[in-house]
Amino acid sequence: MPTPLDMAIDATVKRFMADNGPLSVTYVEKYGVKMPMFTQAPANLADFYTYFCGVHAEKEFLIDGAIRLTFGEVYAAARLVAGGLVEGYGLQKGDRVGIAARNSANWMILNMAIILAGGVSTLLNGWWQGQELADGITMVDCRYVLADEQRAARLTGCDIGECEILLFEHDCPPAEGLSILLAKGGGAETPLPKMDPLDNATILYTSGSTGQSKGAYSDHRAVVQGAMSYVSQSMVFFELLSASGATLPAQPSALVNVPLFHVTASVPLVLQSYAIGRKLVLMPKWDAEEAMRLIEKEKISYFVGVPLMSIEIATHPKRHEYDLTSCTAFAAGGAPRPVEHVKKIRKEMDHAYPLLGYGLTETNGVGCGNFTENYLAKPDSTGPATKPLVEIEMLDDDGNIMPQGERGEVCIRTIANFSGYWNNPEATEAAFTKDGWFRTGDIGYLDEDGYLYIVDRKKDIIIRGGENISCPEVEAAAYEHEDIAELSVFGIADEKYGEVPGIVYHVKEGASLTPEELKAFLLERLAPFKVPVHYWPSADALPRLGTQKIDRVTLRNAYNEKVKSAV
């Protein structure tokens, strides 16, 4: 049964869609299907930047250490660099330009400048090593790569074809750090190309959990509509909060503690911030106490990160030394949040609510959201599809829609979906059904209220003697143990059952937990067939992908080899 919040959201969305309101939609045909898109959204990313930086010109936008820039100053710097790219470096419309660097204000200005200049902003994973970076560059045939000194050094000796590396610097004003891009001429008066909504805009790379990363490319329309889908969520909640009498911040603000090359930062966090005039405060690296210091100092109102980040803040021994009351939302994305974390965050920080988003690189981060009271009521759900752009269904292997409540592959259809994988038509064809559903590779079901529940990745369900075991379910039970910092559950080949569950876990500093103790703990919470057979305590933190998800595939392969070699 819909909750009062569900009904309030639906009513507000309908009101904002009516009479050419801010969320009014028109329909365009794609894959032979009529899909909704916002009528009042800018047509392309260049117009998006120009319009919203003009609207919010005097507001602070980027805070990066001692660097503080307004929206107007950020736009002026990006417009200058865009002219340098076009006139000085001869950038042509559609050229791929990579960014290989850590987070910084200058990274964000470069990303904006590439788009204004008509290039395709190619967000290379800043954690990749040399050959991985080279593979990403050559995969999409980058013409230029804008790199900081550390990433450029990793590329020494690597074959990157005809691509030219241009160095830039962090921790300094744009005019200084980006000076190389103005060295050959061009500037704020240089004419820039006009972008079509269907021109390519961005390339983001997939996690690579099943092999080499793929370059997921999107057109301008998809990226803008994805950003505006998040804006629509914020607009609805601002309206509901205002109607309830809640005091809204003079200017919304958020920490940037996730990598800018990841979709979580790229669309929901950064692009949305242009539209809602949100201040962004960058952190050079994750540190829970530094995050708390910045929340207090900058009056941060919104926090987003991988689930581990918000629970670290909620349970930090020094949490009460900082005033965190300005921050009323602690969102998570990129990985499931254990149910126990949801309850603990609300209990430990009763001024705030935990939130959860579900989207993928290929959907430009768009998908579902679970908020406030609804999230507390259904903490193991990612929430319903985001209105009014997103459709979600469970499909079988033949593309048929599964009845409500039955499990299938989670599939998303929206105008914000990516165009395909660069130079990989086979993977692109496999990713979509003929009528435009993107196959996420996740297994899930929809409840009677349209709330999505993710069971697992297709390849990560453990089938133990004919019984299906959900890895997230076992992981959620294990996370309830207060001594566990992180863990992963996966299938281990077994002669008798085909597969049995295995678990590798890392405990908190100063804690100890034996396999026997953990097994006894789990037997109190799970049916015996779900309880892991193999246990591996790990002295070190677990390996992660570039998205900060725990690398289950690598762990599964490594520990299967360990078991095999021990036989």
Protein backbone atom coordinates (compact mmCIF):
# COMPACT_ATOMS: atom_id res chain seq x y z
CA MET A 1 0.00 0.00 0.00
CA PRO A 2 1.45 3.43 -0.91
CA THR A 3 2.76 5.43 2.04
CA PRO A 4 1.69 9.03 2.73
CA LEU A 5 5.08 10.11 1.37
CA ASP A 6 4.55 8.10 -1.83
CA MET A 7 1.19 9.78 -2.35
CA ALA A 8 2.61 13.23 -1.62
CA ILE A 9 5.45 12.67 -4.11
CA ASP A 10 3.02 11.46 -6.80
CA ALA A 11 0.70 14.42 -6.26
CA THR A 12 3.56 16.93 -6.42
CA VAL A 13 5.02 15.35 -9.57
CA LYS A 14 1.62 15.47 -11.27
CA ARG A 15 1.14 19.11 -10.29
CA PHE A 16 4.60 20.07 -11.59
CA MET A 17 3.91 18.21 -14.86
CA ALA A 18 0.63 20.00 -15.52
CA ASP A 19 0.06 23.19 -17.51
CA ASN A 20 3.59 23.41 -18.93
CA GLY A 21 5.00 23.22 -15.41
CA PRO A 22 8.68 22.66 -14.55
CA LEU A 23 8.35 18.87 -14.96
CA SER A 24 6.19 18.88 -18.08
CA VAL A 25 7.20 16.27 -20.66
CA THR A 26 6.98 15.63 -24.34
CA TYR A 27 7.46 12.28 -26.05
CA VAL A 28 10.17 11.28 -28.50
CA GLU A 29 10.55 8.02 -30.36
CA LYS A 30 13.54 5.78 -29.64
CA TYR A 31 13.77 2.03 -30.32
CA GLY A 32 10.29 2.36 -31.81
CA VAL A 33 8.89 3.40 -28.41
CA LYS A 34 7.59 6.77 -27.24
CA MET A 35 9.71 7.92 -24.28
CA PRO A 36 9.07 10.99 -22.07
CA MET A 37 11.59 13.79 -21.75
CA PHE A 38 11.46 17.14 -19.98
CA THR A 39 10.33 19.91 -22.31
CA GLN A 40 11.98 22.73 -20.36
CA ALA A 41 15.43 21.16 -20.11
CA PRO A 42 18.31 22.70 -22.08
CA ALA A 43 18.89 20.96 -25.42
CA ASN A 44 22.55 20.13 -24.79
CA LEU A 45 25.20 20.22 -22.08
CA ALA A 46 26.84 23.39 -23.38
CA ASP A 47 23.53 25.26 -23.10
CA PHE A 48 22.97 23.61 -19.70
CA TYR A 49 26.26 25.00 -18.36
CA THR A 50 25.75 28.43 -19.87
CA TYR A 51 22.20 28.88 -18.64
CA PHE A 52 22.61 27.68 -15.05
CA CYS A 53 25.96 29.37 -14.48
CA GLY A 54 24.26 32.59 -15.54
CA VAL A 55 21.31 32.05 -13.20
CA HIS A 56 23.59 31.32 -10.21
CA ALA A 57 26.55 33.49 -11.27
CA GLU A 58 27.11 35.19 -7.90
CA LYS A 59 26.79 32.08 -5.73
CA GLU A 60 29.78 30.13 -4.48
CA PHE A 61 30.19 26.91 -6.43
CA LEU A 62 33.54 25.14 -6.01
CA ILE A 63 35.50 25.02 -2.76
CA ASP A 64 38.82 23.21 -3.14
CA GLY A 65 41.12 23.88 -0.20
CA ALA A 66 42.01 27.57 -0.40
CA ILE A 67 40.36 27.92 -3.84
CA ARG A 68 36.82 29.37 -3.73
CA LEU A 69 35.03 30.04 -7.02
CA THR A 70 31.55 31.25 -7.91
CA PHE A 71 29.44 29.77 -10.70
CA GLY A 72 30.26 32.82 -12.79
CA GLU A 73 34.00 32.45 -12.22
CA VAL A 74 33.90 28.74 -13.05
CA TYR A 75 32.04 29.41 -16.29
CA ALA A 76 34.42 32.20 -17.28
CA ALA A 77 37.43 29.94 -16.72
CA ALA A 78 35.87 27.07 -18.69
CA ARG A 79 34.86 29.38 -21.55
CA LEU A 80 38.43 30.66 -21.75
CA VAL A 81 39.90 27.14 -21.90
CA ALA A 82 37.27 26.04 -24.44
CA GLY A 83 38.45 28.82 -26.75
CA GLY A 84 42.03 27.67 -26.25
CA LEU A 85 41.13 24.10 -27.16
CA VAL A 86 39.31 25.16 -30.33
CA GLU A 87 41.64 27.84 -31.65
CA GLY A 88 44.96 26.89 -30.10
CA TYR A 89 44.74 23.09 -30.30
CA GLY A 90 42.38 22.73 -33.24
CA LEU A 91 39.84 20.63 -31.37
CA GLN A 92 37.07 19.46 -33.67
CA LYS A 93 33.49 18.70 -32.78
CA GLY A 94 33.28 15.06 -31.64
CA ASP A 95 36.99 14.66 -30.76
CA ARG A 96 37.46 12.58 -27.63
CA VAL A 97 39.39 14.39 -24.90
CA GLY A 98 40.36 12.37 -21.84
CA ILE A 99 40.86 13.58 -18.29
CA ALA A 100 43.26 11.53 -16.17
CA ALA A 101 43.66 13.14 -12.77
CA ARG A 102 42.55 13.22 -9.17
CA ASN A 103 39.58 15.31 -8.07
CA SER A 104 40.03 19.08 -8.09
CA ALA A 105 38.29 22.30 -9.11
CA ASN A 106 40.52 22.44 -12.19
CA TRP A 107 39.40 18.90 -13.15
CA MET A 108 35.81 20.12 -13.12
CA ILE A 109 36.60 23.23 -15.15
CA LEU A 110 38.37 21.11 -17.77
CA ASN A 111 35.41 18.76 -18.03
CA MET A 112 33.15 21.73 -18.66
CA ALA A 113 35.56 23.29 -21.17
CA ILE A 114 35.75 20.11 -23.25
CA ILE A 115 31.96 20.11 -23.63
CA LEU A 116 31.79 23.82 -24.47
CA ALA A 117 34.46 23.27 -27.13
CA GLY A 118 32.41 20.52 -28.77
CA GLY A 119 34.57 17.64 -27.57
CA VAL A 120 33.47 14.36 -26.00
CA SER A 121 34.53 14.43 -22.35
CA THR A 122 36.18 11.08 -21.69
CA LEU A 123 36.45 10.36 -17.97
CA LEU A 124 39.42 8.07 -17.49
CA ASN A 125 39.64 6.21 -14.20
CA GLY A 126 42.13 8.14 -12.09
CA TRP A 127 43.02 5.00 -10.12
CA TRP A 128 44.08 3.02 -13.18
CA GLN A 129 47.72 2.15 -13.66
CA GLY A 130 49.65 2.86 -16.86
CA GLN A 131 48.48 0.09 -19.15
CA GLU A 132 44.89 0.42 -17.95
CA LEU A 133 44.98 4.13 -18.75
CA ALA A 134 46.56 3.44 -22.13
CA ASP A 135 43.86 0.88 -22.94
CA GLY A 136 41.14 3.37 -22.05
CA ILE A 137 42.75 6.06 -24.21
CA THR A 138 43.27 3.89 -27.28
CA MET A 139 39.90 2.19 -26.93
CA VAL A 140 38.11 5.43 -27.85
CA ASP A 141 40.96 7.04 -29.81
CA CYS A 142 41.43 10.12 -27.64
CA ARG A 143 42.98 13.06 -29.47
CA TYR A 144 44.18 14.68 -26.24
CA VAL A 145 44.46 13.60 -22.62
CA LEU A 146 44.52 16.30 -19.95
CA ALA A 147 46.53 14.75 -17.13
CA ASP A 148 48.09 15.68 -13.84
CA GLU A 149 51.73 14.85 -13.25
CA GLN A 150 51.07 11.62 -11.36
CA ARG A 151 48.85 10.03 -14.04
CA ALA A 152 51.08 11.26 -16.85
CA ALA A 153 54.01 9.50 -15.18
CA ARG A 154 52.06 6.22 -15.13
CA LEU A 155 51.74 6.44 -18.92
CA THR A 156 55.51 6.60 -19.46
CA GLY A 157 56.46 3.91 -21.97
CA CYS A 158 52.84 3.04 -22.80
CA ASP A 159 51.55 3.09 -26.36
CA ILE A 160 48.74 5.65 -26.65
CA GLY A 161 48.87 6.06 -30.43
CA GLU A 162 48.66 9.62 -31.74
CA CYS A 163 47.15 10.98 -28.54
CA GLU A 164 48.89 14.01 -27.00
CA ILE A 165 49.16 14.41 -23.24
CA LEU A 166 48.69 17.95 -21.89
CA LEU A 167 49.68 18.52 -18.27
CA PHE A 168 47.68 20.64 -15.84
CA GLU A 169 47.97 21.39 -12.13
CA HIS A 170 45.75 21.24 -9.07
CA ASP A 171 45.60 23.43 -5.95
CA CYS A 172 45.96 26.73 -7.80
CA PRO A 173 43.70 29.21 -9.62
CA PRO A 174 42.46 28.07 -13.06
CA ALA A 175 44.48 30.70 -14.92
CA GLU A 176 47.64 29.20 -13.46
CA GLY A 177 46.81 25.48 -13.37
CA LEU A 178 45.30 25.37 -16.88
CA SER A 179 47.70 27.80 -18.54
CA ILE A 180 49.02 25.23 -21.03
CA LEU A 181 45.62 25.20 -22.72
CA LEU A 182 45.86 28.92 -23.44
CA ALA A 183 49.48 28.86 -24.61
CA LYS A 184 48.68 28.47 -28.33
CA GLY A 185 46.00 31.13 -28.61
CA GLY A 186 42.24 31.34 -28.33
CA GLY A 187 40.12 32.50 -25.45
CA ALA A 188 36.75 33.80 -24.34
CA GLU A 189 35.95 35.37 -27.73
CA THR A 190 36.73 32.27 -29.81
CA PRO A 191 33.58 31.07 -31.59
CA LEU A 192 32.42 27.66 -30.31
CA PRO A 193 30.48 24.99 -32.22
CA LYS A 194 26.74 24.57 -31.77
CA MET A 195 25.88 21.21 -30.27
CA ASP A 196 22.96 19.03 -31.35
CA PRO A 197 21.06 17.05 -28.71
CA LEU A 198 22.12 13.80 -30.40
CA ASP A 199 25.83 14.66 -30.65
CA ASN A 200 28.08 12.55 -28.44
CA ALA A 201 28.83 14.24 -25.12
CA THR A 202 30.52 11.90 -22.63
CA ILE A 203 32.29 8.58 -22.26
CA LEU A 204 32.35 6.91 -18.85
CA TYR A 205 33.96 3.55 -18.22
CA THR A 206 32.27 0.52 -16.73
CA SER A 207 33.68 -1.10 -13.60
CA GLY A 208 35.31 -3.93 -15.50
CA SER A 209 34.07 -6.64 -13.12
CA THR A 210 33.80 -9.13 -15.99
CA GLY A 211 36.93 -8.19 -17.90
CA GLN A 212 38.32 -5.09 -19.59
CA SER A 213 36.35 -1.91 -18.99
CA LYS A 214 34.04 -0.70 -21.74
CA GLY A 215 33.57 2.91 -22.78
CA ALA A 216 29.89 3.80 -22.33
CA TYR A 217 29.10 6.82 -24.49
CA SER A 218 26.07 9.10 -24.25
CA ASP A 219 24.61 11.91 -26.31
CA HIS A 220 23.88 15.37 -24.95
CA ARG A 221 20.17 14.73 -24.61
CA ALA A 222 20.66 11.63 -22.47
CA VAL A 223 23.08 13.32 -20.06
CA VAL A 224 20.98 16.47 -19.69
CA GLN A 225 17.78 14.48 -19.16
CA GLY A 226 19.57 12.30 -16.60
CA ALA A 227 20.69 15.37 -14.68
CA MET A 228 17.21 16.89 -14.85
CA SER A 229 15.71 13.65 -13.55
CA TYR A 230 17.71 14.19 -10.37
CA VAL A 231 16.74 17.86 -10.35
CA SER A 232 13.10 16.79 -10.48
CA GLN A 233 13.60 14.67 -7.35
CA SER A 234 15.18 17.57 -5.49
CA MET A 235 12.51 19.99 -6.69
CA VAL A 236 9.76 17.73 -5.36
CA PHE A 237 11.44 17.28 -1.98
CA PHE A 238 12.21 20.98 -1.62
CA GLU A 239 8.50 21.61 -2.24
CA LEU A 240 7.40 19.00 0.31
CA LEU A 241 9.84 20.28 2.93
CA SER A 242 8.74 23.86 2.37
CA ALA A 243 5.08 22.87 2.66
CA SER A 244 5.83 21.10 5.96
CA GLY A 245 7.32 24.26 7.44
CA ALA A 246 10.88 22.95 7.46
CA THR A 247 13.68 25.50 7.19
CA LEU A 248 15.64 25.09 3.96
CA PRO A 249 19.32 26.09 3.73
CA ALA A 250 20.06 29.45 2.13
CA GLN A 251 22.15 27.52 -0.39
CA PRO A 252 22.30 23.73 -0.65
CA SER A 253 25.78 22.29 -0.33
CA ALA A 254 27.45 18.90 -0.70
CA LEU A 255 30.78 17.21 -0.16
CA VAL A 256 32.58 15.73 -3.16
CA ASN A 257 34.30 12.65 -1.79
CA VAL A 258 33.60 10.23 -4.63
CA PRO A 259 35.74 10.15 -7.79
CA LEU A 260 34.66 12.64 -10.43
CA PHE A 261 35.13 10.04 -13.17
CA HIS A 262 32.33 7.93 -11.67
CA VAL A 263 28.68 8.40 -12.65
CA THR A 264 27.64 8.98 -9.02
CA ALA A 265 29.68 12.18 -9.04
CA SER A 266 29.28 13.06 -12.70
CA VAL A 267 25.50 13.31 -12.96
CA PRO A 268 23.59 13.20 -9.64
CA LEU A 269 26.18 15.17 -7.68
CA VAL A 270 27.95 17.57 -10.06
CA LEU A 271 25.57 18.18 -12.97
CA GLN A 272 22.56 18.48 -10.71
CA SER A 273 24.44 21.07 -8.65
CA TYR A 274 24.61 23.47 -11.61
CA ALA A 275 20.82 23.43 -11.88
CA ILE A 276 19.97 23.80 -8.18
CA GLY A 277 22.79 26.26 -7.37
CA ARG A 278 24.47 23.84 -4.96
CA LYS A 279 27.91 24.56 -3.48
CA LEU A 280 30.41 21.71 -3.85
CA VAL A 281 33.23 21.20 -1.35
CA LEU A 282 35.97 18.89 -2.59
CA MET A 283 37.96 16.48 -0.43
CA PRO A 284 41.35 15.30 -1.74
CA LYS A 285 40.86 11.84 -0.21
CA TRP A 286 38.36 10.13 2.06
CA ASP A 287 38.78 10.65 5.78
CA ALA A 288 35.73 10.45 8.04
CA GLU A 289 36.96 13.04 10.55
CA GLU A 290 37.94 15.49 7.81
CA ALA A 291 34.47 15.00 6.31
CA MET A 292 32.91 15.90 9.65
CA ARG A 293 35.12 18.97 9.95
CA LEU A 294 34.05 20.17 6.52
CA ILE A 295 30.38 19.45 7.20
CA GLU A 296 30.57 21.72 10.22
CA LYS A 297 32.73 24.42 8.60
CA GLU A 298 30.89 24.68 5.27
CA LYS A 299 27.40 23.90 6.61
CA ILE A 300 27.07 20.91 4.28
CA SER A 301 23.42 19.91 3.77
CA TYR A 302 23.83 16.77 1.63
CA PHE A 303 26.24 13.86 1.81
CA VAL A 304 26.66 11.08 -0.74
CA GLY A 305 29.19 8.29 -0.95
CA VAL A 306 29.58 4.54 -0.92
CA PRO A 307 27.71 2.99 2.04
CA LEU A 308 30.87 2.56 4.12
CA MET A 309 31.39 6.34 4.25
CA SER A 310 28.14 7.34 5.94
CA ILE A 311 28.33 4.53 8.49
CA GLU A 312 31.90 5.57 9.33
CA ILE A 313 30.61 9.04 10.17
CA ALA A 314 27.62 7.73 12.15
CA THR A 315 29.78 5.46 14.30
CA HIS A 316 32.96 7.58 14.50
CA PRO A 317 34.27 7.94 18.08
CA LYS A 318 34.72 11.70 17.56
CA ARG A 319 31.34 12.31 15.94
CA HIS A 320 29.98 14.31 18.90
CA GLU A 321 32.91 16.70 18.71
CA TYR A 322 31.48 18.16 15.47
CA ASP A 323 28.20 19.89 14.71
CA LEU A 324 26.71 17.89 11.84
CA THR A 325 23.15 19.15 12.16
CA SER A 326 23.28 21.10 8.87
CA CYS A 327 23.54 17.78 7.00
CA THR A 328 20.05 16.28 6.85
CA ALA A 329 20.61 13.69 4.12
CA PHE A 330 23.15 10.87 3.99
CA ALA A 331 22.81 9.20 0.61
CA ALA A 332 24.50 6.06 -0.65
CA GLY A 333 25.10 4.77 -4.14
CA GLY A 334 27.38 2.36 -5.96
CA ALA A 335 26.67 -0.63 -3.71
CA PRO A 336 23.87 -2.01 -1.54
CA ARG A 337 23.71 -0.57 1.95
CA PRO A 338 23.33 -3.22 4.67
CA VAL A 339 19.94 -2.97 6.38
CA GLU A 340 21.58 -2.58 9.77
CA HIS A 341 23.39 0.54 8.49
CA VAL A 342 20.07 2.20 7.65
CA LYS A 343 18.79 1.82 11.19
CA LYS A 344 22.12 2.79 12.75
CA ILE A 345 22.51 6.02 10.75
CA ARG A 346 19.03 7.18 11.74
CA LYS A 347 19.60 6.21 15.38
CA GLU A 348 23.02 7.84 15.69
CA MET A 349 22.12 11.02 13.75
CA ASP A 350 18.45 11.64 14.41
CA HIS A 351 18.56 15.03 12.67
CA ALA A 352 19.21 13.28 9.34
CA TYR A 353 17.80 10.57 7.13
CA PRO A 354 19.64 7.90 5.15
CA LEU A 355 18.82 7.81 1.42
CA LEU A 356 19.60 5.29 -1.31
CA GLY A 357 19.91 5.65 -5.07
CA TYR A 358 20.13 2.94 -7.72
CA GLY A 359 21.43 3.65 -11.20
CA LEU A 360 24.25 2.57 -13.47
CA THR A 361 26.92 4.10 -15.65
CA GLU A 362 24.83 3.05 -18.63
CA THR A 363 21.73 4.87 -17.34
CA ASN A 364 23.64 8.06 -16.47
CA GLY A 365 22.93 7.24 -12.83
CA VAL A 366 19.17 7.27 -13.32
CA GLY A 367 16.96 4.54 -11.90
CA CYS A 368 15.35 4.36 -8.46
CA GLY A 369 15.46 6.20 -5.16
CA ASN A 370 14.40 5.33 -1.62
CA PHE A 371 13.98 8.24 0.75
CA THR A 372 13.44 9.18 4.41
CA GLU A 373 10.51 7.35 6.06
CA ASN A 374 10.06 5.08 3.05
CA TYR A 375 13.67 3.92 3.28
CA LEU A 376 13.31 3.20 6.99
CA ALA A 377 10.16 1.19 6.25
CA LYS A 378 11.74 -0.77 3.38
CA PRO A 379 15.49 -0.61 4.05
CA ASP A 380 16.31 -3.53 1.77
CA SER A 381 14.70 -1.90 -1.29
CA THR A 382 16.22 0.58 -3.73
CA GLY A 383 12.83 2.27 -3.99
CA PRO A 384 10.52 2.84 -6.98
CA ALA A 385 11.43 4.10 -10.44
CA THR A 386 12.04 7.86 -10.56
CA LYS A 387 9.08 9.73 -11.99
CA PRO A 388 8.32 10.82 -14.63
CA LEU A 389 11.13 9.57 -16.93
CA VAL A 390 12.03 6.07 -15.75
CA GLU A 391 10.43 2.70 -16.49
CA ILE A 392 11.64 -0.43 -14.68
CA GLU A 393 10.58 -4.01 -15.35
CA MET A 394 11.90 -7.51 -14.66
CA LEU A 395 12.53 -9.40 -17.90
CA ASP A 396 13.31 -13.03 -18.59
CA ASP A 397 16.08 -14.16 -20.94
CA ASP A 398 13.74 -13.81 -23.94
CA GLY A 399 12.78 -10.22 -23.09
CA ASN A 400 9.34 -10.99 -21.68
CA ILE A 401 8.10 -8.92 -18.74
CA MET A 402 7.80 -10.99 -15.57
CA PRO A 403 4.61 -10.82 -13.46
CA GLN A 404 4.75 -8.50 -10.48
CA GLY A 405 6.60 -10.07 -7.57
CA GLU A 406 8.48 -12.59 -9.71
CA ARG A 407 12.23 -12.39 -10.11
CA GLY A 408 13.89 -11.49 -13.35
CA GLU A 409 16.65 -9.32 -14.77
CA VAL A 410 16.23 -5.69 -13.76
CA CYS A 411 15.78 -3.66 -16.95
CA ILE A 412 15.57 0.12 -17.27
CA ARG A 413 14.09 2.16 -20.10
CA THR A 414 14.56 5.91 -20.19
CA ILE A 415 15.64 8.69 -22.53
CA ALA A 416 18.68 9.08 -20.23
CA ASN A 417 20.15 5.69 -21.18
CA PHE A 418 23.54 5.68 -22.87
CA SER A 419 23.96 5.17 -26.61
CA GLY A 420 26.28 2.16 -26.50
CA TYR A 421 29.77 0.86 -25.81
CA TRP A 422 32.39 2.61 -27.95
CA ASN A 423 33.51 0.50 -30.89
CA ASN A 424 31.84 -2.58 -29.39
CA PRO A 425 28.63 -3.28 -31.31
CA GLU A 426 28.32 -6.82 -29.97
CA ALA A 427 28.28 -5.67 -26.34
CA THR A 428 25.93 -2.81 -27.24
CA GLU A 429 23.46 -5.16 -28.93
CA ALA A 430 23.56 -7.54 -25.97
CA ALA A 431 22.90 -4.67 -23.53
CA PHE A 432 19.53 -3.69 -25.02
CA THR A 433 16.33 -5.43 -26.01
CA LYS A 434 14.87 -4.46 -29.37
CA ASP A 435 12.34 -2.18 -27.69
CA GLY A 436 14.92 -0.24 -25.68
CA TRP A 437 15.18 -1.96 -22.31
CA PHE A 438 18.71 -1.83 -20.91
CA ARG A 439 19.67 -5.11 -19.27
CA THR A 440 21.41 -4.24 -16.00
CA GLY A 441 22.66 -7.74 -15.16
CA ASP A 442 21.00 -7.46 -11.75
CA ILE A 443 18.32 -9.88 -10.57
CA GLY A 444 15.38 -8.41 -8.70
CA TYR A 445 11.64 -8.09 -8.28
CA LEU A 446 9.03 -5.36 -7.81
CA ASP A 447 6.69 -5.47 -4.83
CA GLU A 448 3.03 -4.43 -4.88
CA ASP A 449 4.01 -0.76 -4.48
CA GLY A 450 6.51 -0.81 -7.34
CA TYR A 451 9.55 -0.88 -5.03
CA LEU A 452 12.55 -2.61 -6.52
CA TYR A 453 14.43 -5.27 -4.56
CA ILE A 454 17.80 -6.37 -5.89
CA VAL A 455 18.51 -10.03 -5.22
CA ASP A 456 21.94 -10.26 -6.83
CA ARG A 457 23.94 -10.12 -10.00
CA LYS A 458 22.96 -12.92 -12.36
CA LYS A 459 26.37 -14.53 -12.09
CA ASP A 460 26.63 -14.18 -8.31
CA ILE A 461 23.66 -16.22 -7.15
CA ILE A 462 24.96 -19.30 -5.37
CA ILE A 463 23.06 -22.47 -6.29
CA ARG A 464 23.69 -24.95 -3.48
CA GLY A 465 22.24 -28.33 -4.34
CA GLY A 466 19.32 -26.72 -6.18
CA GLU A 467 18.72 -24.04 -3.53
CA ASN A 468 19.34 -20.44 -4.54
CA ILE A 469 21.28 -18.30 -2.07
CA SER A 470 21.41 -14.51 -2.37
CA CYS A 471 24.87 -13.17 -1.63
CA PRO A 472 23.51 -9.78 -0.41
CA GLU A 473 21.20 -11.55 2.03
CA VAL A 474 24.09 -13.44 3.64
CA GLU A 475 26.24 -10.30 3.59
CA ALA A 476 23.51 -8.25 5.27
CA ALA A 477 23.25 -10.81 8.06
CA ALA A 478 27.01 -10.84 8.60
CA TYR A 479 27.18 -7.03 8.61
CA GLU A 480 24.97 -7.07 11.69
CA HIS A 481 28.02 -8.23 13.67
CA GLU A 482 29.45 -5.11 15.26
CA ASP A 483 33.09 -6.17 14.78
CA ILE A 484 32.95 -6.51 10.99
CA ALA A 485 34.29 -3.64 8.88
CA GLU A 486 33.72 -5.15 5.42
CA LEU A 487 33.12 -8.50 3.80
CA SER A 488 32.18 -10.34 0.66
CA VAL A 489 30.21 -13.53 0.06
CA PHE A 490 30.61 -15.63 -3.09
CA GLY A 491 30.25 -19.16 -4.41
CA ILE A 492 32.94 -21.81 -3.91
CA ALA A 493 32.92 -24.86 -6.14
CA ASP A 494 31.89 -27.99 -4.22
CA GLU A 495 31.88 -31.60 -5.38
CA LYS A 496 28.74 -32.51 -3.44
CA TYR A 497 26.53 -29.44 -3.79
CA GLY A 498 27.94 -27.80 -6.91
CA GLU A 499 28.52 -24.57 -4.99
CA VAL A 500 28.60 -23.54 -1.36
CA PRO A 501 28.93 -20.07 0.16
CA GLY A 502 32.32 -18.69 1.15
CA ILE A 503 33.00 -15.49 3.05
CA VAL A 504 36.08 -13.29 3.41
CA TYR A 505 35.89 -10.63 6.09
CA HIS A 506 37.95 -7.82 7.56
CA VAL A 507 37.31 -6.72 11.15
CA LYS A 508 37.49 -3.27 12.67
CA GLU A 509 40.73 -2.06 14.19
CA GLY A 510 41.30 -3.65 17.59
CA ALA A 511 38.58 -6.28 17.12
CA SER A 512 38.88 -10.04 16.65
CA LEU A 513 36.38 -12.51 15.26
CA THR A 514 37.09 -16.19 14.63
CA PRO A 515 35.38 -18.18 11.87
CA GLU A 516 33.66 -20.27 14.54
CA GLU A 517 32.25 -17.19 16.23
CA LEU A 518 31.01 -15.76 12.94
CA LYS A 519 29.40 -19.05 11.93
CA ALA A 520 27.56 -19.29 15.24
CA PHE A 521 26.41 -15.68 14.79
CA LEU A 522 25.05 -16.42 11.31
CA LEU A 523 23.33 -19.65 12.31
CA GLU A 524 21.14 -17.52 14.56
CA ARG A 525 20.05 -15.40 11.61
CA LEU A 526 20.00 -17.58 8.49
CA ALA A 527 18.69 -20.96 7.38
CA PRO A 528 21.55 -23.48 7.67
CA PHE A 529 21.90 -23.95 3.90
CA LYS A 530 22.64 -20.22 3.54
CA VAL A 531 25.41 -20.13 6.15
CA PRO A 532 28.92 -20.05 4.61
CA VAL A 533 30.98 -23.21 4.60
CA HIS A 534 34.33 -21.48 4.03
CA TYR A 535 35.65 -18.57 6.15
CA TRP A 536 38.70 -16.41 5.54
CA PRO A 537 39.59 -13.62 7.97
CA SER A 538 41.58 -10.93 6.12
CA ALA A 539 44.12 -8.75 7.89
CA ASP A 540 43.88 -6.22 5.04
CA ALA A 541 41.00 -4.22 3.58
CA LEU A 542 39.28 -5.97 0.69
CA PRO A 543 40.09 -5.10 -2.95
CA ARG A 544 37.78 -2.63 -4.69
CA LEU A 545 36.85 -1.64 -8.20
CA GLY A 546 37.18 1.94 -9.44
CA THR A 547 33.60 2.59 -8.28
CA GLN A 548 34.64 1.60 -4.72
CA LYS A 549 32.49 -1.53 -4.85
CA ILE A 550 34.17 -4.53 -3.27
CA ASP A 551 35.63 -6.63 -6.10
CA ARG A 552 33.62 -9.80 -5.59
CA VAL A 553 34.76 -11.34 -8.89
CA THR A 554 38.47 -11.13 -8.04
CA LEU A 555 37.85 -12.48 -4.54
CA ARG A 556 35.72 -15.36 -5.84
CA ASN A 557 38.37 -16.37 -8.36
CA ALA A 558 41.23 -16.10 -5.87
CA TYR A 559 39.57 -18.11 -3.12
CA ASN A 560 38.29 -20.78 -5.50
CA GLU A 561 41.91 -21.28 -6.55
CA LYS A 562 42.92 -21.42 -2.88
CA VAL A 563 40.38 -24.17 -2.18
CA LYS A 564 41.27 -26.04 -5.36
CA SER A 565 44.98 -26.02 -4.62
CA ALA A 566 44.38 -27.24 -1.06
CA VAL A 567 42.59 -30.40 -2.21
